[in-house]
Amino acid sequence: MVHIFANGQILESGGPEIATRLEETGYSAWVEEEQRAAPTIAARPVVDDPFFSDGLL
């Protein structure tokens, strides 16, 4: 089973033919131009954890 994910959503699911199509066309067959330019992952804030201790640092 192959799933095409973009912007946090499953756009299509299928068998090996989906993987072949993805290799041939990239995500352009599923995602519009403006979506390709948009950031997909929000940056996580850095949190100072007083309980975290790593002896290797």
PDB file of N, CA and C in Angstrom:
ATOM      1  N   MET A   1       0.850  -1.170   0.000  1.00  0.00           N
ATOM      2  CA  MET A   1       0.000   0.000   0.000  1.00  0.00           C
ATOM      3  C   MET A   1       0.894   1.231   0.000  1.00  0.00           C
ATOM      4  N   VAL A   2       0.596   2.162  -0.870  1.00  0.00           N
ATOM      5  CA  VAL A   2       1.339   3.416  -0.998  1.00  0.00           C
ATOM      6  C   VAL A   2       0.375   4.563  -0.719  1.00  0.00           C
ATOM      7  N   HIS A   3       0.838   5.522   0.078  1.00  0.00           N
ATOM      8  CA  HIS A   3       0.041   6.710   0.374  1.00  0.00           C
ATOM      9  C   HIS A   3       0.811   7.935  -0.085  1.00  0.00           C
ATOM     10  N   ILE A   4       0.135   8.867  -0.735  1.00  0.00           N
ATOM     11  CA  ILE A   4       0.728  10.147  -1.115  1.00  0.00           C
ATOM     12  C   ILE A   4       0.282  11.171  -0.077  1.00  0.00           C
ATOM     13  N   PHE A   5       1.264  11.709   0.670  1.00  0.00           N
ATOM     14  CA  PHE A   5       0.997  12.714   1.695  1.00  0.00           C
ATOM     15  C   PHE A   5       1.469  14.070   1.201  1.00  0.00           C
ATOM     16  N   ALA A   6       0.702  15.108   1.475  1.00  0.00           N
ATOM     17  CA  ALA A   6       1.129  16.487   1.227  1.00  0.00           C
ATOM     18  C   ALA A   6       0.359  17.391   2.173  1.00  0.00           C
ATOM     19  N   ASN A   7       1.057  18.316   2.772  1.00  0.00           N
ATOM     20  CA  ASN A   7       0.433  19.264   3.701  1.00  0.00           C
ATOM     21  C   ASN A   7      -0.367  18.564   4.791  1.00  0.00           C
ATOM     22  N   GLY A   8       0.154  17.444   5.284  1.00  0.00           N
ATOM     23  CA  GLY A   8      -0.473  16.746   6.400  1.00  0.00           C
ATOM     24  C   GLY A   8      -1.704  15.935   6.056  1.00  0.00           C
ATOM     25  N   GLN A   9      -1.958  15.693   4.775  1.00  0.00           N
ATOM     26  CA  GLN A   9      -3.143  14.941   4.374  1.00  0.00           C
ATOM     27  C   GLN A   9      -2.762  13.835   3.403  1.00  0.00           C
ATOM     28  N   ILE A  10      -3.512  12.734   3.460  1.00  0.00           N
ATOM     29  CA  ILE A  10      -3.356  11.684   2.458  1.00  0.00           C
ATOM     30  C   ILE A  10      -4.145  12.124   1.235  1.00  0.00           C
ATOM     31  N   LEU A  11      -3.446  12.290   0.119  1.00  0.00           N
ATOM     32  CA  LEU A  11      -4.105  12.732  -1.107  1.00  0.00           C
ATOM     33  C   LEU A  11      -4.582  11.567  -1.956  1.00  0.00           C
ATOM     34  N   GLU A  12      -3.844  10.446  -1.890  1.00  0.00           N
ATOM     35  CA  GLU A  12      -4.221   9.280  -2.690  1.00  0.00           C
ATOM     36  C   GLU A  12      -3.545   8.052  -2.100  1.00  0.00           C
ATOM     37  N   SER A  13      -4.211   6.921  -2.203  1.00  0.00           N
ATOM     38  CA  SER A  13      -3.653   5.647  -1.770  1.00  0.00           C
ATOM     39  C   SER A  13      -3.805   4.652  -2.901  1.00  0.00           C
ATOM     40  N   GLY A  14      -2.888   3.713  -2.964  1.00  0.00           N
ATOM     41  CA  GLY A  14      -2.963   2.712  -4.013  1.00  0.00           C
ATOM     42  C   GLY A  14      -1.816   1.731  -3.911  1.00  0.00           C
ATOM     43  N   GLY A  15      -1.574   1.047  -4.999  1.00  0.00           N
ATOM     44  CA  GLY A  15      -0.527   0.044  -5.046  1.00  0.00           C
ATOM     45  C   GLY A  15       0.743   0.579  -5.684  1.00  0.00           C
ATOM     46  N   PRO A  16       1.550  -0.324  -6.226  1.00  0.00           N
ATOM     47  CA  PRO A  16       2.835   0.055  -6.815  1.00  0.00           C
ATOM     48  C   PRO A  16       2.721   1.059  -7.962  1.00  0.00           C
ATOM     49  N   GLU A  17       1.574   1.096  -8.622  1.00  0.00           N
ATOM     50  CA  GLU A  17       1.407   2.043  -9.734  1.00  0.00           C
ATOM     51  C   GLU A  17       1.477   3.489  -9.243  1.00  0.00           C
ATOM     52  N   ILE A  18       1.046   3.737  -8.006  1.00  0.00           N
ATOM     53  CA  ILE A  18       1.132   5.086  -7.435  1.00  0.00           C
ATOM     54  C   ILE A  18       2.595   5.452  -7.208  1.00  0.00           C
ATOM     55  N   ALA A  19       3.386   4.506  -6.702  1.00  0.00           N
ATOM     56  CA  ALA A  19       4.814   4.761  -6.483  1.00  0.00           C
ATOM     57  C   ALA A  19       5.521   5.036  -7.801  1.00  0.00           C
ATOM     58  N   THR A  20       5.175   4.297  -8.840  1.00  0.00           N
ATOM     59  CA  THR A  20       5.777   4.511 -10.156  1.00  0.00           C
ATOM     60  C   THR A  20       5.420   5.894 -10.685  1.00  0.00           C
ATOM     61  N   ARG A  21       4.154   6.276 -10.548  1.00  0.00           N
ATOM     62  CA  ARG A  21       3.717   7.602 -11.004  1.00  0.00           C
ATOM     63  C   ARG A  21       4.426   8.711 -10.232  1.00  0.00           C
ATOM     64  N   LEU A  22       4.613   8.527  -8.926  1.00  0.00           N
ATOM     65  CA  LEU A  22       5.311   9.512  -8.109  1.00  0.00           C
ATOM     66  C   LEU A  22       6.759   9.655  -8.560  1.00  0.00           C
ATOM     67  N   GLU A  23       7.425   8.542  -8.849  1.00  0.00           N
ATOM     68  CA  GLU A  23       8.807   8.602  -9.332  1.00  0.00           C
ATOM     69  C   GLU A  23       8.899   9.320 -10.671  1.00  0.00           C
ATOM     70  N   GLU A  24       7.912   9.136 -11.533  1.00  0.00           N
ATOM     71  CA  GLU A  24       7.940   9.742 -12.865  1.00  0.00           C
ATOM     72  C   GLU A  24       7.596  11.230 -12.848  1.00  0.00           C
ATOM     73  N   THR A  25       6.605  11.628 -12.043  1.00  0.00           N
ATOM     74  CA  THR A  25       6.111  13.007 -12.103  1.00  0.00           C
ATOM     75  C   THR A  25       6.446  13.842 -10.882  1.00  0.00           C
ATOM     76  N   GLY A  26       6.865  13.196  -9.799  1.00  0.00           N
ATOM     77  CA  GLY A  26       7.033  13.927  -8.546  1.00  0.00           C
ATOM     78  C   GLY A  26       5.657  14.268  -7.992  1.00  0.00           C
ATOM     79  N   TYR A  27       5.625  15.167  -7.034  1.00  0.00           N
ATOM     80  CA  TYR A  27       4.356  15.529  -6.406  1.00  0.00           C
ATOM     81  C   TYR A  27       3.521  16.477  -7.258  1.00  0.00           C
ATOM     82  N   SER A  28       4.037  16.932  -8.378  1.00  0.00           N
ATOM     83  CA  SER A  28       3.307  17.905  -9.194  1.00  0.00           C
ATOM     84  C   SER A  28       1.955  17.376  -9.669  1.00  0.00           C
ATOM     85  N   ALA A  29       1.801  16.082  -9.780  1.00  0.00           N
ATOM     86  CA  ALA A  29       0.520  15.518 -10.191  1.00  0.00           C
ATOM     87  C   ALA A  29      -0.539  15.649  -9.095  1.00  0.00           C
ATOM     88  N   TRP A  30      -0.117  15.885  -7.860  1.00  0.00           N
ATOM     89  CA  TRP A  30      -1.049  15.945  -6.737  1.00  0.00           C
ATOM     90  C   TRP A  30      -1.147  17.322  -6.092  1.00  0.00           C
ATOM     91  N   VAL A  31      -0.112  18.133  -6.228  1.00  0.00           N
ATOM     92  CA  VAL A  31      -0.041  19.384  -5.477  1.00  0.00           C
ATOM     93  C   VAL A  31       0.031  20.568  -6.434  1.00  0.00           C
ATOM     94  N   GLU A  32      -0.755  21.587  -6.147  1.00  0.00           N
ATOM     95  CA  GLU A  32      -0.747  22.804  -6.954  1.00  0.00           C
ATOM     96  C   GLU A  32       0.520  23.609  -6.689  1.00  0.00           C
ATOM     97  N   GLU A  33       0.882  24.476  -7.597  1.00  0.00           N
ATOM     98  CA  GLU A  33       2.105  25.275  -7.507  1.00  0.00           C
ATOM     99  C   GLU A  33       2.188  26.061  -6.200  1.00  0.00           C
ATOM    100  N   GLU A  34       1.099  26.725  -5.801  1.00  0.00           N
ATOM    101  CA  GLU A  34       1.145  27.537  -4.582  1.00  0.00           C
ATOM    102  C   GLU A  34       1.318  26.677  -3.337  1.00  0.00           C
ATOM    103  N   GLN A  35       0.843  25.440  -3.367  1.00  0.00           N
ATOM    104  CA  GLN A  35       1.033  24.547  -2.229  1.00  0.00           C
ATOM    105  C   GLN A  35       2.480  24.081  -2.133  1.00  0.00           C
ATOM    106  N   ARG A  36       3.153  23.907  -3.275  1.00  0.00           N
ATOM    107  CA  ARG A  36       4.551  23.479  -3.258  1.00  0.00           C
ATOM    108  C   ARG A  36       5.446  24.536  -2.646  1.00  0.00           C
ATOM    109  N   ALA A  37       5.076  25.809  -2.805  1.00  0.00           N
ATOM    110  CA  ALA A  37       5.896  26.891  -2.283  1.00  0.00           C
ATOM    111  C   ALA A  37       5.631  27.143  -0.802  1.00  0.00           C
ATOM    112  N   ALA A  38       4.508  26.682  -0.280  1.00  0.00           N
ATOM    113  CA  ALA A  38       4.144  26.945   1.113  1.00  0.00           C
ATOM    114  C   ALA A  38       4.946  26.058   2.058  1.00  0.00           C
ATOM    115  N   PRO A  39       5.333  26.601   3.203  1.00  0.00           N
ATOM    116  CA  PRO A  39       6.022  25.768   4.192  1.00  0.00           C
ATOM    117  C   PRO A  39       5.066  24.714   4.736  1.00  0.00           C
ATOM    118  N   THR A  40       5.569  23.516   4.979  1.00  0.00           N
ATOM    119  CA  THR A  40       4.711  22.429   5.429  1.00  0.00           C
ATOM    120  C   THR A  40       4.931  22.062   6.886  1.00  0.00           C
ATOM    121  N   ILE A  41       6.040  22.484   7.461  1.00  0.00           N
ATOM    122  CA  ILE A  41       6.336  22.119   8.841  1.00  0.00           C
ATOM    123  C   ILE A  41       6.552  23.383   9.659  1.00  0.00           C
ATOM    124  N   ALA A  42       5.805  23.508  10.715  1.00  0.00           N
ATOM    125  CA  ALA A  42       5.987  24.651  11.611  1.00  0.00           C
ATOM    126  C   ALA A  42       7.182  24.381  12.517  1.00  0.00           C
ATOM    127  N   ALA A  43       7.958  25.404  12.764  1.00  0.00           N
ATOM    128  CA  ALA A  43       9.118  25.256  13.638  1.00  0.00           C
ATOM    129  C   ALA A  43       8.653  25.066  15.073  1.00  0.00           C
ATOM    130  N   ARG A  44       9.285  24.134  15.767  1.00  0.00           N
ATOM    131  CA  ARG A  44       8.975  23.912  17.172  1.00  0.00           C
ATOM    132  C   ARG A  44       9.784  24.871  18.026  1.00  0.00           C
ATOM    133  N   PRO A  45       9.179  25.432  19.034  1.00  0.00           N
ATOM    134  CA  PRO A  45       9.936  26.321  19.916  1.00  0.00           C
ATOM    135  C   PRO A  45      10.944  25.524  20.739  1.00  0.00           C
ATOM    136  N   VAL A  46      12.059  26.133  21.029  1.00  0.00           N
ATOM    137  CA  VAL A  46      13.067  25.501  21.871  1.00  0.00           C
ATOM    138  C   VAL A  46      12.665  25.747  23.317  1.00  0.00           C
ATOM    139  N   VAL A  47      12.531  24.669  24.064  1.00  0.00           N
ATOM    140  CA  VAL A  47      12.116  24.771  25.459  1.00  0.00           C
ATOM    141  C   VAL A  47      13.265  24.314  26.339  1.00  0.00           C
ATOM    142  N   ASP A  48      13.620  25.130  27.291  1.00  0.00           N
ATOM    143  CA  ASP A  48      14.665  24.784  28.238  1.00  0.00           C
ATOM    144  C   ASP A  48      14.064  23.849  29.280  1.00  0.00           C
ATOM    145  N   ASP A  49      14.482  22.576  29.292  1.00  0.00           N
ATOM    146  CA  ASP A  49      13.918  21.574  30.186  1.00  0.00           C
ATOM    147  C   ASP A  49      14.847  21.370  31.378  1.00  0.00           C
ATOM    148  N   PRO A  50      14.454  21.799  32.558  1.00  0.00           N
ATOM    149  CA  PRO A  50      15.334  21.669  33.716  1.00  0.00           C
ATOM    150  C   PRO A  50      15.506  20.221  34.172  1.00  0.00           C
ATOM    151  N   PHE A  51      14.673  19.295  33.702  1.00  0.00           N
ATOM    152  CA  PHE A  51      14.747  17.908  34.125  1.00  0.00           C
ATOM    153  C   PHE A  51      15.547  17.042  33.160  1.00  0.00           C
ATOM    154  N   PHE A  52      15.932  17.596  32.018  1.00  0.00           N
ATOM    155  CA  PHE A  52      16.697  16.847  31.024  1.00  0.00           C
ATOM    156  C   PHE A  52      18.175  16.915  31.365  1.00  0.00           C
ATOM    157  N   SER A  53      18.806  15.766  31.409  1.00  0.00           N
ATOM    158  CA  SER A  53      20.235  15.723  31.690  1.00  0.00           C
ATOM    159  C   SER A  53      20.862  14.714  30.747  1.00  0.00           C
ATOM    160  N   ASP A  54      21.781  15.171  29.945  1.00  0.00           N
ATOM    161  CA  ASP A  54      22.484  14.296  29.016  1.00  0.00           C
ATOM    162  C   ASP A  54      23.954  14.317  29.394  1.00  0.00           C
ATOM    163  N   GLY A  55      24.454  13.222  29.891  1.00  0.00           N
ATOM    164  CA  GLY A  55      25.841  13.145  30.324  1.00  0.00           C
ATOM    165  C   GLY A  55      26.843  13.303  29.202  1.00  0.00           C
ATOM    166  N   LEU A  56      26.390  13.203  27.951  1.00  0.00           N
ATOM    167  CA  LEU A  56      27.305  13.316  26.817  1.00  0.00           C
ATOM    168  C   LEU A  56      27.530  14.754  26.399  1.00  0.00           C
ATOM    169  N   LEU A  57      26.731  15.677  26.894  1.00  0.00           N
ATOM    170  CA  LEU A  57      26.867  17.080  26.501  1.00  0.00           C
ATOM    171  C   LEU A  57      27.824  17.806  27.393  1.00  0.00           C
TER     172      LEU A  57
END
